[in-house]
Amino acid sequence: MTVVEDGDWVKQATRLDKRVTRVGFWLRRTSIDELPQLINVLKGEMSLVGPRPHAAAHDNYFDPVIANYAFRQRMKPGITGCAQVNGSRGETPTVDAMQRRVRLDLWYIENWSFPLDLAIMFRTIIELVRGRNAY
């Protein structure tokens, strides 16, 4: 992207966002931009599967607005997650969209199992091929 915000609010990328470069579009579309996060997994700071981390500014905004929002942080963030493979990948333009993502994240935390992680990783591969909401 051509602009990096560093303030109280971070604008999420949107479809046809003017800040996304041609190379950036391709990197997002193929999710290659996620590969450096594997270093965080190897360092033990992230998991392969878990709630996707949000920008701190978004955490500050949504925590008082959405019940149990902070509970998503009871487990390490993941490169992929239940919300991402169930249609909540990408921009969350409304509080309702973020509430749906949080509900899916909390469901995952409460129902975590190794087979569930395997299913999410398999579905992630399918989503990568589809390329939906990757911008």
N, C-alpha and C. Protein backbone atom coordinates (compact mmCIF):
# COMPACT_ATOMS: atom_id res chain seq x y z
N MET A 1 0.83 -1.17 0.00
CA MET A 1 0.00 0.00 0.00
C MET A 1 0.88 1.24 0.00
N THR A 2 0.34 2.31 -0.51
CA THR A 2 1.13 3.53 -0.62
C THR A 2 1.09 4.39 0.63
N VAL A 3 0.14 4.13 1.55
CA VAL A 3 0.01 4.94 2.76
C VAL A 3 -0.02 4.02 3.97
N VAL A 4 0.66 4.43 5.02
CA VAL A 4 0.60 3.67 6.27
C VAL A 4 0.15 4.63 7.36
N GLU A 5 -1.03 4.38 7.92
CA GLU A 5 -1.53 5.22 9.00
C GLU A 5 -0.89 4.78 10.30
N ASP A 6 -0.71 5.72 11.19
CA ASP A 6 -0.17 5.41 12.51
C ASP A 6 -0.83 6.34 13.51
N GLY A 7 -2.11 6.12 13.73
CA GLY A 7 -2.83 7.02 14.61
C GLY A 7 -3.93 6.30 15.34
N ASP A 8 -4.95 7.04 15.72
CA ASP A 8 -6.05 6.47 16.49
C ASP A 8 -6.98 5.61 15.64
N TRP A 9 -6.94 5.77 14.35
CA TRP A 9 -7.79 4.96 13.47
C TRP A 9 -6.98 4.50 12.27
N VAL A 10 -7.15 3.25 11.90
CA VAL A 10 -6.49 2.66 10.74
C VAL A 10 -7.58 2.24 9.78
N LYS A 11 -7.58 2.82 8.58
CA LYS A 11 -8.59 2.47 7.58
C LYS A 11 -8.26 1.11 6.98
N GLN A 12 -9.23 0.21 7.01
CA GLN A 12 -9.03 -1.11 6.43
C GLN A 12 -9.00 -1.01 4.91
N ALA A 13 -8.28 -1.92 4.29
CA ALA A 13 -8.26 -1.98 2.84
C ALA A 13 -9.64 -2.39 2.34
N THR A 14 -10.04 -1.82 1.23
CA THR A 14 -11.33 -2.12 0.63
C THR A 14 -11.12 -2.57 -0.81
N ARG A 15 -12.16 -3.14 -1.38
CA ARG A 15 -12.11 -3.52 -2.79
C ARG A 15 -11.85 -2.26 -3.62
N LEU A 16 -10.93 -2.32 -4.56
CA LEU A 16 -10.54 -1.21 -5.43
C LEU A 16 -9.96 -0.03 -4.64
N ASP A 17 -9.33 -0.32 -3.51
CA ASP A 17 -8.71 0.71 -2.66
C ASP A 17 -7.59 1.38 -3.44
N LYS A 18 -7.60 2.69 -3.50
CA LYS A 18 -6.61 3.46 -4.27
C LYS A 18 -5.20 3.35 -3.68
N ARG A 19 -5.07 2.96 -2.40
CA ARG A 19 -3.76 2.86 -1.76
C ARG A 19 -3.00 1.59 -2.15
N VAL A 20 -3.68 0.60 -2.70
CA VAL A 20 -3.06 -0.69 -3.03
C VAL A 20 -2.33 -0.58 -4.36
N THR A 21 -1.06 -0.92 -4.35
CA THR A 21 -0.26 -0.88 -5.58
C THR A 21 -0.55 -2.13 -6.42
N ARG A 22 -0.07 -2.15 -7.65
CA ARG A 22 -0.26 -3.34 -8.50
C ARG A 22 0.39 -4.56 -7.89
N VAL A 23 1.62 -4.39 -7.41
CA VAL A 23 2.33 -5.51 -6.77
C VAL A 23 1.60 -5.92 -5.50
N GLY A 24 1.18 -4.93 -4.71
CA GLY A 24 0.44 -5.21 -3.49
C GLY A 24 -0.85 -5.96 -3.74
N PHE A 25 -1.55 -5.61 -4.81
CA PHE A 25 -2.78 -6.31 -5.18
C PHE A 25 -2.50 -7.78 -5.43
N TRP A 26 -1.45 -8.06 -6.17
CA TRP A 26 -1.09 -9.44 -6.48
C TRP A 26 -0.66 -10.19 -5.22
N LEU A 27 0.13 -9.53 -4.38
CA LEU A 27 0.57 -10.17 -3.13
C LEU A 27 -0.62 -10.50 -2.24
N ARG A 28 -1.59 -9.59 -2.11
CA ARG A 28 -2.78 -9.84 -1.29
C ARG A 28 -3.65 -10.93 -1.91
N ARG A 29 -3.85 -10.83 -3.22
CA ARG A 29 -4.72 -11.79 -3.91
C ARG A 29 -4.23 -13.22 -3.73
N THR A 30 -2.92 -13.40 -3.72
CA THR A 30 -2.33 -14.73 -3.57
C THR A 30 -1.99 -15.05 -2.12
N SER A 31 -2.17 -14.08 -1.22
CA SER A 31 -1.86 -14.19 0.21
C SER A 31 -0.37 -14.43 0.48
N ILE A 32 0.46 -14.13 -0.47
CA ILE A 32 1.91 -14.26 -0.26
C ILE A 32 2.38 -13.30 0.83
N ASP A 33 1.67 -12.20 1.00
CA ASP A 33 2.05 -11.23 2.04
C ASP A 33 1.92 -11.81 3.45
N GLU A 34 1.25 -12.94 3.61
CA GLU A 34 1.10 -13.58 4.91
C GLU A 34 2.31 -14.45 5.28
N LEU A 35 3.13 -14.81 4.31
CA LEU A 35 4.25 -15.72 4.58
C LEU A 35 5.22 -15.24 5.67
N PRO A 36 5.55 -13.95 5.75
CA PRO A 36 6.44 -13.53 6.84
C PRO A 36 5.89 -13.83 8.24
N GLN A 37 4.58 -14.00 8.35
CA GLN A 37 4.01 -14.33 9.65
C GLN A 37 4.43 -15.72 10.12
N LEU A 38 4.90 -16.56 9.21
CA LEU A 38 5.40 -17.87 9.62
C LEU A 38 6.58 -17.73 10.57
N ILE A 39 7.33 -16.65 10.44
CA ILE A 39 8.43 -16.39 11.38
C ILE A 39 7.85 -16.20 12.78
N ASN A 40 6.72 -15.48 12.88
CA ASN A 40 6.08 -15.29 14.18
C ASN A 40 5.57 -16.61 14.75
N VAL A 41 5.13 -17.52 13.88
CA VAL A 41 4.69 -18.84 14.34
C VAL A 41 5.90 -19.60 14.89
N LEU A 42 7.01 -19.58 14.16
CA LEU A 42 8.22 -20.28 14.61
C LEU A 42 8.76 -19.71 15.93
N LYS A 43 8.57 -18.40 16.13
CA LYS A 43 9.01 -17.76 17.37
C LYS A 43 8.03 -18.02 18.52
N GLY A 44 6.88 -18.60 18.23
CA GLY A 44 5.88 -18.89 19.26
C GLY A 44 4.97 -17.73 19.58
N GLU A 45 5.01 -16.69 18.77
CA GLU A 45 4.17 -15.51 19.01
C GLU A 45 2.80 -15.62 18.36
N MET A 46 2.69 -16.51 17.38
CA MET A 46 1.42 -16.73 16.68
C MET A 46 1.22 -18.22 16.50
N SER A 47 0.00 -18.59 16.14
CA SER A 47 -0.33 -19.96 15.77
C SER A 47 -0.67 -19.99 14.28
N LEU A 48 -0.71 -21.18 13.72
CA LEU A 48 -1.17 -21.27 12.34
C LEU A 48 -2.66 -20.94 12.28
N VAL A 49 -3.42 -21.43 13.26
CA VAL A 49 -4.87 -21.20 13.30
C VAL A 49 -5.21 -20.52 14.62
N GLY A 50 -6.05 -19.50 14.53
CA GLY A 50 -6.50 -18.77 15.71
C GLY A 50 -7.19 -17.51 15.26
N PRO A 51 -7.70 -16.72 16.19
CA PRO A 51 -8.32 -15.45 15.78
C PRO A 51 -7.29 -14.55 15.10
N ARG A 52 -7.65 -13.97 13.98
CA ARG A 52 -6.74 -13.06 13.27
C ARG A 52 -6.54 -11.81 14.11
N PRO A 53 -5.31 -11.32 14.20
CA PRO A 53 -5.08 -10.09 14.97
C PRO A 53 -5.63 -8.88 14.23
N HIS A 54 -6.08 -7.91 15.00
CA HIS A 54 -6.54 -6.64 14.43
C HIS A 54 -5.57 -5.55 14.81
N ALA A 55 -5.62 -4.44 14.10
CA ALA A 55 -4.81 -3.28 14.45
C ALA A 55 -5.21 -2.80 15.84
N ALA A 56 -4.25 -2.30 16.60
CA ALA A 56 -4.52 -1.83 17.96
C ALA A 56 -5.62 -0.77 17.96
N ALA A 57 -5.64 0.09 16.95
CA ALA A 57 -6.68 1.12 16.87
C ALA A 57 -8.06 0.49 16.75
N HIS A 58 -8.18 -0.62 16.02
CA HIS A 58 -9.46 -1.30 15.89
C HIS A 58 -9.84 -1.96 17.22
N ASP A 59 -8.85 -2.55 17.91
CA ASP A 59 -9.13 -3.13 19.22
C ASP A 59 -9.68 -2.07 20.17
N ASN A 60 -9.06 -0.90 20.17
CA ASN A 60 -9.51 0.19 21.05
C ASN A 60 -10.92 0.65 20.70
N TYR A 61 -11.26 0.65 19.41
CA TYR A 61 -12.58 1.09 18.98
C TYR A 61 -13.66 0.04 19.29
N PHE A 62 -13.40 -1.22 18.93
CA PHE A 62 -14.43 -2.24 19.02
C PHE A 62 -14.60 -2.84 20.42
N ASP A 63 -13.58 -2.79 21.27
CA ASP A 63 -13.68 -3.40 22.59
C ASP A 63 -14.87 -2.87 23.39
N PRO A 64 -15.09 -1.55 23.46
CA PRO A 64 -16.25 -1.09 24.23
C PRO A 64 -17.58 -1.22 23.47
N VAL A 65 -17.53 -1.48 22.18
CA VAL A 65 -18.73 -1.52 21.35
C VAL A 65 -19.30 -2.93 21.22
N ILE A 66 -18.42 -3.95 21.21
CA ILE A 66 -18.85 -5.34 20.99
C ILE A 66 -18.60 -6.15 22.26
N ALA A 67 -19.67 -6.77 22.75
CA ALA A 67 -19.56 -7.59 23.96
C ALA A 67 -18.55 -8.73 23.75
N ASN A 68 -17.70 -8.95 24.72
CA ASN A 68 -16.72 -10.03 24.72
C ASN A 68 -15.65 -9.91 23.64
N TYR A 69 -15.51 -8.73 23.07
CA TYR A 69 -14.51 -8.53 22.01
C TYR A 69 -13.12 -8.94 22.49
N ALA A 70 -12.74 -8.55 23.68
CA ALA A 70 -11.39 -8.82 24.19
C ALA A 70 -11.14 -10.31 24.42
N PHE A 71 -12.21 -11.13 24.55
CA PHE A 71 -12.02 -12.55 24.77
C PHE A 71 -11.31 -13.23 23.62
N ARG A 72 -11.32 -12.60 22.44
CA ARG A 72 -10.61 -13.18 21.29
C ARG A 72 -9.13 -13.31 21.59
N GLN A 73 -8.64 -12.51 22.53
CA GLN A 73 -7.21 -12.50 22.84
C GLN A 73 -6.84 -13.53 23.90
N ARG A 74 -7.77 -14.42 24.25
CA ARG A 74 -7.46 -15.48 25.21
C ARG A 74 -6.56 -16.54 24.60
N MET A 75 -6.39 -16.49 23.31
CA MET A 75 -5.50 -17.45 22.66
C MET A 75 -4.64 -16.70 21.65
N LYS A 76 -3.53 -17.31 21.29
CA LYS A 76 -2.61 -16.67 20.34
C LYS A 76 -3.31 -16.39 19.03
N PRO A 77 -2.99 -15.26 18.41
CA PRO A 77 -3.57 -14.98 17.09
C PRO A 77 -3.04 -15.98 16.06
N GLY A 78 -3.79 -16.15 15.00
CA GLY A 78 -3.39 -17.11 13.97
C GLY A 78 -3.26 -16.47 12.60
N ILE A 79 -2.54 -17.16 11.74
CA ILE A 79 -2.41 -16.71 10.35
C ILE A 79 -3.75 -16.87 9.63
N THR A 80 -4.49 -17.92 9.99
CA THR A 80 -5.83 -18.14 9.47
C THR A 80 -6.74 -18.45 10.64
N GLY A 81 -8.03 -18.41 10.39
CA GLY A 81 -8.95 -18.69 11.48
C GLY A 81 -10.33 -19.08 11.00
N CYS A 82 -11.15 -19.44 11.95
CA CYS A 82 -12.52 -19.86 11.67
C CYS A 82 -13.30 -18.77 10.95
N ALA A 83 -13.13 -17.54 11.38
CA ALA A 83 -13.87 -16.44 10.75
C ALA A 83 -13.48 -16.28 9.28
N GLN A 84 -12.20 -16.46 8.98
CA GLN A 84 -11.73 -16.25 7.62
C GLN A 84 -12.27 -17.30 6.66
N VAL A 85 -12.44 -18.52 7.12
CA VAL A 85 -12.94 -19.57 6.21
C VAL A 85 -14.46 -19.65 6.21
N ASN A 86 -15.10 -18.81 7.03
CA ASN A 86 -16.56 -18.78 7.07
C ASN A 86 -17.12 -17.45 6.59
N GLY A 87 -16.40 -16.80 5.68
CA GLY A 87 -16.92 -15.61 5.02
C GLY A 87 -16.61 -14.28 5.67
N SER A 88 -15.83 -14.27 6.75
CA SER A 88 -15.52 -13.00 7.43
C SER A 88 -14.06 -12.61 7.21
N ARG A 89 -13.57 -12.84 6.03
CA ARG A 89 -12.21 -12.43 5.67
C ARG A 89 -12.30 -11.04 5.04
N GLY A 90 -11.32 -10.23 5.29
CA GLY A 90 -11.28 -8.92 4.65
C GLY A 90 -11.90 -7.83 5.49
N GLU A 91 -12.37 -6.82 4.80
CA GLU A 91 -12.89 -5.62 5.44
C GLU A 91 -14.11 -5.92 6.32
N THR A 92 -14.19 -5.21 7.44
CA THR A 92 -15.38 -5.26 8.30
C THR A 92 -15.93 -3.84 8.37
N PRO A 93 -16.72 -3.44 7.37
CA PRO A 93 -17.16 -2.05 7.26
C PRO A 93 -18.20 -1.61 8.29
N THR A 94 -18.84 -2.57 8.96
CA THR A 94 -19.87 -2.23 9.94
C THR A 94 -19.60 -2.95 11.25
N VAL A 95 -20.22 -2.47 12.30
CA VAL A 95 -20.11 -3.13 13.60
C VAL A 95 -20.71 -4.53 13.51
N ASP A 96 -21.79 -4.69 12.75
CA ASP A 96 -22.39 -6.02 12.58
C ASP A 96 -21.41 -7.00 11.95
N ALA A 97 -20.65 -6.55 10.96
CA ALA A 97 -19.66 -7.42 10.31
C ALA A 97 -18.58 -7.83 11.31
N MET A 98 -18.14 -6.90 12.14
CA MET A 98 -17.14 -7.24 13.15
C MET A 98 -17.73 -8.15 14.22
N GLN A 99 -18.99 -7.93 14.58
CA GLN A 99 -19.63 -8.82 15.55
C GLN A 99 -19.69 -10.25 15.04
N ARG A 100 -19.97 -10.42 13.75
CA ARG A 100 -19.99 -11.76 13.16
C ARG A 100 -18.62 -12.39 13.26
N ARG A 101 -17.58 -11.64 12.96
CA ARG A 101 -16.21 -12.15 13.05
C ARG A 101 -15.88 -12.54 14.49
N VAL A 102 -16.25 -11.70 15.43
CA VAL A 102 -15.97 -11.98 16.84
C VAL A 102 -16.73 -13.23 17.29
N ARG A 103 -17.99 -13.37 16.89
CA ARG A 103 -18.77 -14.58 17.24
C ARG A 103 -18.07 -15.83 16.73
N LEU A 104 -17.58 -15.80 15.49
CA LEU A 104 -16.88 -16.96 14.94
C LEU A 104 -15.57 -17.22 15.68
N ASP A 105 -14.84 -16.16 16.01
CA ASP A 105 -13.60 -16.32 16.77
C ASP A 105 -13.86 -16.94 18.14
N LEU A 106 -14.90 -16.46 18.83
CA LEU A 106 -15.22 -16.99 20.15
C LEU A 106 -15.70 -18.43 20.07
N TRP A 107 -16.47 -18.76 19.02
CA TRP A 107 -16.89 -20.14 18.84
C TRP A 107 -15.66 -21.04 18.67
N TYR A 108 -14.70 -20.59 17.87
CA TYR A 108 -13.48 -21.36 17.66
C TYR A 108 -12.75 -21.58 18.99
N ILE A 109 -12.59 -20.53 19.77
CA ILE A 109 -11.88 -20.63 21.05
C ILE A 109 -12.56 -21.64 21.97
N GLU A 110 -13.88 -21.60 22.03
CA GLU A 110 -14.64 -22.50 22.90
C GLU A 110 -14.66 -23.94 22.40
N ASN A 111 -14.47 -24.14 21.11
CA ASN A 111 -14.57 -25.49 20.52
C ASN A 111 -13.26 -25.99 19.94
N TRP A 112 -12.14 -25.38 20.32
CA TRP A 112 -10.86 -25.73 19.74
C TRP A 112 -10.57 -27.23 19.85
N SER A 113 -10.03 -27.77 18.78
CA SER A 113 -9.54 -29.14 18.76
C SER A 113 -8.56 -29.26 17.59
N PHE A 114 -7.70 -30.24 17.66
CA PHE A 114 -6.75 -30.45 16.57
C PHE A 114 -7.48 -30.76 15.25
N PRO A 115 -8.50 -31.63 15.26
CA PRO A 115 -9.24 -31.86 14.00
C PRO A 115 -9.87 -30.58 13.44
N LEU A 116 -10.35 -29.69 14.33
CA LEU A 116 -10.92 -28.43 13.86
C LEU A 116 -9.83 -27.59 13.19
N ASP A 117 -8.64 -27.54 13.78
CA ASP A 117 -7.53 -26.81 13.16
C ASP A 117 -7.20 -27.37 11.78
N LEU A 118 -7.18 -28.68 11.66
CA LEU A 118 -6.90 -29.31 10.36
C LEU A 118 -7.98 -28.93 9.34
N ALA A 119 -9.23 -28.93 9.77
CA ALA A 119 -10.33 -28.58 8.86
C ALA A 119 -10.20 -27.12 8.42
N ILE A 120 -9.85 -26.22 9.34
CA ILE A 120 -9.70 -24.81 9.00
C ILE A 120 -8.53 -24.63 8.04
N MET A 121 -7.41 -25.34 8.28
CA MET A 121 -6.27 -25.23 7.36
C MET A 121 -6.64 -25.72 5.96
N PHE A 122 -7.39 -26.81 5.87
CA PHE A 122 -7.84 -27.32 4.58
C PHE A 122 -8.74 -26.31 3.88
N ARG A 123 -9.69 -25.75 4.64
CA ARG A 123 -10.59 -24.76 4.05
C ARG A 123 -9.86 -23.48 3.67
N THR A 124 -8.77 -23.17 4.38
CA THR A 124 -7.96 -22.00 4.04
C THR A 124 -7.36 -22.16 2.66
N ILE A 125 -6.89 -23.35 2.36
CA ILE A 125 -6.32 -23.62 1.03
C ILE A 125 -7.38 -23.37 -0.04
N ILE A 126 -8.59 -23.81 0.21
CA ILE A 126 -9.68 -23.58 -0.74
C ILE A 126 -9.93 -22.09 -0.90
N GLU A 127 -9.95 -21.35 0.21
CA GLU A 127 -10.17 -19.90 0.15
C GLU A 127 -9.03 -19.19 -0.59
N LEU A 128 -7.81 -19.68 -0.43
CA LEU A 128 -6.68 -19.08 -1.14
C LEU A 128 -6.85 -19.20 -2.65
N VAL A 129 -7.35 -20.37 -3.07
CA VAL A 129 -7.58 -20.59 -4.49
C VAL A 129 -8.72 -19.69 -4.99
N ARG A 130 -9.76 -19.54 -4.20
CA ARG A 130 -10.89 -18.69 -4.57
C ARG A 130 -10.50 -17.21 -4.61
N GLY A 131 -9.70 -16.78 -3.65
CA GLY A 131 -9.25 -15.39 -3.60
C GLY A 131 -10.32 -14.39 -3.22
N ARG A 132 -11.37 -14.83 -2.54
CA ARG A 132 -12.44 -13.92 -2.16
C ARG A 132 -12.00 -12.98 -1.03
N ASN A 133 -12.44 -11.75 -1.10
CA ASN A 133 -12.21 -10.75 -0.06
C ASN A 133 -10.74 -10.57 0.29
N ALA A 134 -9.86 -10.77 -0.65
CA ALA A 134 -8.42 -10.57 -0.43
C ALA A 134 -8.00 -9.28 -1.10
N TYR A 135 -8.02 -8.19 -0.33
CA TYR A 135 -7.62 -6.90 -0.85
C TYR A 135 -7.11 -6.05 0.27
